[in-house]
């Protein structure tokens, strides 16, 4: 009987090398014949990799995680807990997807991003950098979360919304952020508590204040328009 030490604290356990790729798979895990596990990738615990999914590089899939469809997990990414990655989703770099999180559709999670808790990331979403999506949050459509941003609680970010820099969108955000792409030549996102212009994120009241500093002549020229849209967004609650 072959064994392998997956460095998870359980010591050497019964395992085998997957025929398609040669990566080590614990006998307690399941990898379908059609799935690929690269020579340096590991699948262990009670994890499942099925359909045409691919796990390669130094990626790890473990716990009770499930990777399936045409999803790819690669680089040094980890998928674990009860997380599901499926569809044509890509998880790579040093990204982590865990807990009860679901990443699917054409979503990309990469860099040092984390998706966890009961969060769902799907559609054509990008989550990258040091971004965090957690709790019961949903990020979908063509949205992007990046930089040091966090989306958490019961928040929903969708459409073409961008959440970046150190922005926070939480359960206090009762409405999806409004995304504007053609005012002042910068992408503008208005949430309940912040306005983000490009990657500059400021509290809503600061942008609305008459005493707010001039960040750039182009933005000052459209300040009244932005303020009106922000106040209308607040009234929607």
Protein backbone atom coordinates (compact mmCIF):
# COMPACT_ATOMS: atom_id res chain seq x y z
CA UNK A 1 0.00 0.00 0.00
CA UNK A 2 1.38 3.39 -1.00
CA UNK A 3 1.30 6.26 1.47
CA UNK A 4 1.97 9.97 1.30
CA UNK A 5 2.41 12.68 3.93
CA UNK A 6 0.23 15.66 2.98
CA UNK A 7 1.77 17.76 5.78
CA UNK A 8 -1.64 18.26 7.40
CA UNK A 9 -0.70 16.78 10.76
CA UNK A 10 -1.97 13.26 10.01
CA UNK A 11 1.36 11.83 8.90
CA UNK A 12 1.62 9.40 5.98
CA UNK A 13 -1.81 8.14 4.85
CA UNK A 14 -2.89 5.72 2.12
CA UNK A 15 -2.69 7.56 -1.20
CA UNK A 16 -2.07 7.15 -4.91
CA UNK A 17 -0.87 9.18 -7.84
CA UNK A 18 -3.62 10.24 -10.19
CA UNK A 19 -3.23 8.69 -13.66
CA UNK A 20 -3.91 12.03 -15.37
CA UNK A 21 -1.15 14.33 -14.16
CA UNK A 22 0.56 12.27 -11.49
CA UNK A 23 -0.42 14.37 -8.48
CA UNK A 24 -0.93 12.71 -5.12
CA UNK A 25 -4.48 11.95 -4.05
CA UNK A 26 -5.42 10.56 -0.62
CA UNK A 27 -7.45 7.36 -0.79
CA UNK A 28 -10.12 9.16 1.26
CA UNK A 29 -10.51 11.79 -1.49
CA UNK A 30 -12.12 11.34 -4.91
CA UNK A 31 -10.76 12.44 -8.29
CA UNK A 32 -12.59 11.36 -11.41
CA UNK A 33 -10.69 9.83 -14.31
CA UNK A 34 -11.44 12.87 -16.48
CA UNK A 35 -10.03 15.38 -13.99
CA UNK A 36 -6.39 16.49 -13.98
CA UNK A 37 -4.12 16.70 -10.93
CA UNK A 38 -0.67 18.02 -11.81
CA UNK A 39 2.55 16.44 -10.50
CA UNK A 40 3.00 18.95 -7.65
CA UNK A 41 -0.67 19.39 -6.77
CA UNK A 42 -2.35 17.62 -3.84
CA UNK A 43 -5.91 16.46 -3.18
CA UNK A 44 -6.63 15.03 0.26
CA UNK A 45 -9.04 14.74 3.15
CA UNK A 46 -12.51 14.06 1.73
CA UNK A 47 -12.13 16.51 -1.15
CA UNK A 48 -13.56 15.84 -4.61
CA UNK A 49 -12.25 16.89 -8.00
CA UNK A 50 -14.48 15.80 -10.85
CA UNK A 51 -15.65 16.36 -14.42
CA UNK A 52 -12.99 18.23 -16.42
CA UNK A 53 -11.64 20.23 -13.49
CA UNK A 54 -7.90 20.81 -13.27
CA UNK A 55 -5.71 21.22 -10.18
CA UNK A 56 -2.07 21.96 -10.89
CA UNK A 57 0.99 23.93 -9.94
CA UNK A 58 1.35 23.65 -6.17
CA UNK A 59 -2.36 23.99 -5.54
CA UNK A 60 -4.12 22.16 -2.70
CA UNK A 61 -7.71 20.94 -2.51
CA UNK A 62 -8.64 19.40 0.84
CA UNK A 63 -11.17 19.11 3.62
CA UNK A 64 -14.55 18.45 1.99
CA UNK A 65 -14.04 20.91 -0.84
CA UNK A 66 -15.39 20.16 -4.30
CA UNK A 67 -13.86 21.37 -7.57
CA UNK A 68 -15.80 20.40 -10.68
CA UNK A 69 -17.08 21.41 -14.10
CA UNK A 70 -14.27 23.08 -16.02
CA UNK A 71 -12.85 24.94 -13.03
CA UNK A 72 -9.08 25.39 -12.58
CA UNK A 73 -7.23 25.71 -9.28
CA UNK A 74 -3.53 26.37 -9.72
CA UNK A 75 -0.43 28.24 -8.65
CA UNK A 76 -0.30 28.09 -4.84
CA UNK A 77 -4.06 28.42 -4.37
CA UNK A 78 -5.92 26.46 -1.68
CA UNK A 79 -9.56 25.38 -1.77
CA UNK A 80 -10.77 23.73 1.42
CA UNK A 81 -13.45 23.38 4.06
CA UNK A 82 -16.78 22.82 2.31
CA UNK A 83 -16.03 25.27 -0.49
CA UNK A 84 -17.21 24.67 -4.06
CA UNK A 85 -15.41 25.92 -7.17
CA UNK A 86 -17.10 25.05 -10.44
CA UNK A 87 -18.26 26.17 -13.85
CA UNK A 88 -15.32 27.83 -15.59
CA UNK A 89 -14.04 29.57 -12.47
CA UNK A 90 -10.32 30.10 -11.96
CA UNK A 91 -8.65 30.25 -8.54
CA UNK A 92 -4.93 30.86 -8.63
CA UNK A 93 -1.91 32.68 -7.26
CA UNK A 94 -2.01 32.59 -3.46
CA UNK A 95 -5.79 32.82 -3.30
CA UNK A 96 -7.84 30.94 -0.72
CA UNK A 97 -11.45 29.78 -1.02
CA UNK A 98 -12.82 28.08 2.08
CA UNK A 99 -15.64 27.68 4.55
CA UNK A 100 -18.96 27.26 2.71
CA UNK A 101 -17.99 29.64 -0.08
CA UNK A 102 -19.00 29.12 -3.72
CA UNK A 103 -17.02 30.44 -6.68
CA UNK A 104 -18.46 29.66 -10.10
CA UNK A 105 -19.42 30.87 -13.54
CA UNK A 106 -16.47 32.69 -15.13
CA UNK A 107 -15.27 34.19 -11.84
CA UNK A 108 -11.56 34.77 -11.23
CA UNK A 109 -10.11 34.79 -7.72
CA UNK A 110 -6.38 35.37 -7.58
CA UNK A 111 -3.46 37.18 -5.98
CA UNK A 112 -3.83 37.05 -2.19
CA UNK A 113 -7.62 37.25 -2.31
CA UNK A 114 -9.81 35.34 0.15
CA UNK A 115 -13.39 34.16 -0.35
CA UNK A 116 -14.88 32.46 2.71
CA UNK A 117 -17.81 32.07 5.06
CA UNK A 118 -21.02 31.63 3.06
CA UNK A 119 -19.93 34.04 0.36
CA UNK A 120 -20.77 33.54 -3.31
CA UNK A 121 -18.72 34.90 -6.19
CA UNK A 122 -20.04 34.24 -9.68
CA UNK A 123 -20.62 35.60 -13.15
CA UNK A 124 -17.73 37.50 -14.73
CA UNK A 125 -16.38 38.72 -11.41
CA UNK A 126 -12.76 39.52 -10.56
CA UNK A 127 -11.59 39.27 -6.93
CA UNK A 128 -7.89 39.90 -6.54
CA UNK A 129 -5.09 41.69 -4.73
CA UNK A 130 -5.70 41.46 -0.97
CA UNK A 131 -9.47 41.62 -1.33
CA UNK A 132 -11.79 39.74 1.03
CA UNK A 133 -15.33 38.51 0.34
CA UNK A 134 -16.95 36.86 3.36
CA UNK A 135 -20.04 36.36 5.49
CA UNK A 136 -23.16 36.02 3.34
CA UNK A 137 -21.88 38.46 0.75
CA UNK A 138 -22.56 38.02 -2.94
CA UNK A 139 -20.43 39.44 -5.73
CA UNK A 140 -21.74 38.80 -9.22
CA UNK A 141 -22.34 40.17 -12.69
CA UNK A 142 -19.31 42.08 -13.99
CA UNK A 143 -18.24 43.42 -10.60
CA UNK A 144 -14.66 43.65 -9.33
CA UNK A 145 -13.32 43.64 -5.78
CA UNK A 146 -9.61 44.32 -5.42
CA UNK A 147 -6.86 46.14 -3.57
CA UNK A 148 -7.48 45.88 0.18
CA UNK A 149 -11.26 46.03 -0.17
CA UNK A 150 -13.68 43.91 1.86
CA UNK A 151 -17.23 42.88 1.01
CA UNK A 152 -18.91 41.13 3.92
CA UNK A 153 -22.04 40.67 6.00
CA UNK A 154 -25.14 40.51 3.80
CA UNK A 155 -23.77 42.87 1.16
CA UNK A 156 -24.38 42.43 -2.57
CA UNK A 157 -22.07 43.91 -5.17
CA UNK A 158 -23.11 43.43 -8.77
CA UNK A 159 -23.50 44.95 -12.20
CA UNK A 160 -20.30 46.79 -13.09
CA UNK A 161 -19.56 47.94 -9.54
CA UNK A 162 -15.93 48.29 -8.51
CA UNK A 163 -14.90 48.04 -4.87
CA UNK A 164 -11.21 48.71 -4.36
CA UNK A 165 -8.52 50.49 -2.37
CA UNK A 166 -9.55 50.01 1.30
CA UNK A 167 -13.30 50.28 0.74
CA UNK A 168 -15.68 48.33 2.97
CA UNK A 169 -19.13 47.17 1.90
CA UNK A 170 -20.98 45.35 4.67
CA UNK A 171 -24.38 44.35 5.95
CA UNK A 172 -25.08 48.07 6.45
CA UNK A 173 -25.11 48.43 2.69
CA UNK A 174 -28.77 47.90 1.87
CA UNK A 175 -28.43 48.63 -1.85
CA UNK A 176 -26.01 47.58 -4.52
CA UNK A 177 -23.34 50.18 -5.23
CA UNK A 178 -24.08 52.39 -8.22
CA UNK A 179 -21.35 52.25 -10.87
CA UNK A 180 -20.75 55.20 -13.17
CA UNK A 181 -18.18 54.94 -15.92
CA UNK A 182 -18.33 58.21 -17.81
CA UNK A 183 -18.24 61.11 -15.36
CA UNK A 184 -14.98 62.97 -14.92
CA UNK A 185 -13.15 60.26 -16.92
CA UNK A 186 -12.95 58.03 -13.84
CA UNK A 187 -15.01 54.99 -12.81
CA UNK A 188 -17.19 56.07 -9.89
CA UNK A 189 -18.88 53.75 -7.40
CA UNK A 190 -21.41 55.07 -4.86
CA UNK A 191 -22.33 52.84 -1.90
CA UNK A 192 -24.27 53.64 1.26
CA UNK A 193 -21.24 54.94 3.11
CA UNK A 194 -18.53 55.75 0.56
CA UNK A 195 -17.87 57.19 -2.85
CA UNK A 196 -15.00 55.65 -4.74
CA UNK A 197 -13.53 57.51 -7.72
CA UNK A 198 -10.92 55.49 -9.50
CA UNK A 199 -9.15 53.86 -6.59
CA UNK A 200 -9.63 56.82 -4.22
CA UNK A 201 -12.25 55.87 -1.65
CA UNK A 202 -13.62 58.56 0.68
CA UNK A 203 -16.53 58.67 3.15
CA UNK A 204 -19.76 59.79 1.54
CA UNK A 205 -20.14 62.86 3.74
CA UNK A 206 -16.67 64.07 2.85
CA UNK A 207 -17.46 63.99 -0.86
CA UNK A 208 -20.80 65.70 -0.26
CA UNK A 209 -19.36 68.42 1.96
CA UNK A 210 -18.97 71.88 0.46
CA UNK A 211 -15.69 72.08 2.33
CA UNK A 212 -14.28 68.97 0.70
CA UNK A 213 -10.85 69.57 -0.84
CA UNK A 214 -10.31 69.72 -4.56
CA UNK A 215 -9.00 66.29 -5.55
CA UNK A 216 -8.70 67.13 -9.24
CA UNK A 217 -10.12 69.84 -11.54
CA UNK A 218 -12.07 67.33 -13.64
CA UNK A 219 -13.78 65.91 -10.57
CA UNK A 220 -14.49 69.35 -9.14
CA UNK A 221 -16.24 70.20 -12.40
CA UNK A 222 -18.73 67.38 -11.89
CA UNK A 223 -18.95 67.50 -8.08
CA UNK A 224 -22.57 68.71 -8.15
CA UNK A 225 -23.59 65.85 -10.44
CA UNK A 226 -21.85 63.27 -8.23
CA UNK A 227 -23.36 64.79 -5.07
CA UNK A 228 -26.87 64.68 -6.56
CA UNK A 229 -26.49 61.04 -7.51
CA UNK A 230 -25.13 60.17 -4.06
CA UNK A 231 -28.03 61.91 -2.29
CA UNK A 232 -30.51 60.13 -4.54
CA UNK A 233 -28.83 56.83 -3.71
CA UNK A 234 -29.16 57.59 0.01
CA UNK A 235 -32.87 58.37 -0.36
CA UNK A 236 -33.49 54.95 -1.94
CA UNK A 237 -33.17 53.44 1.52
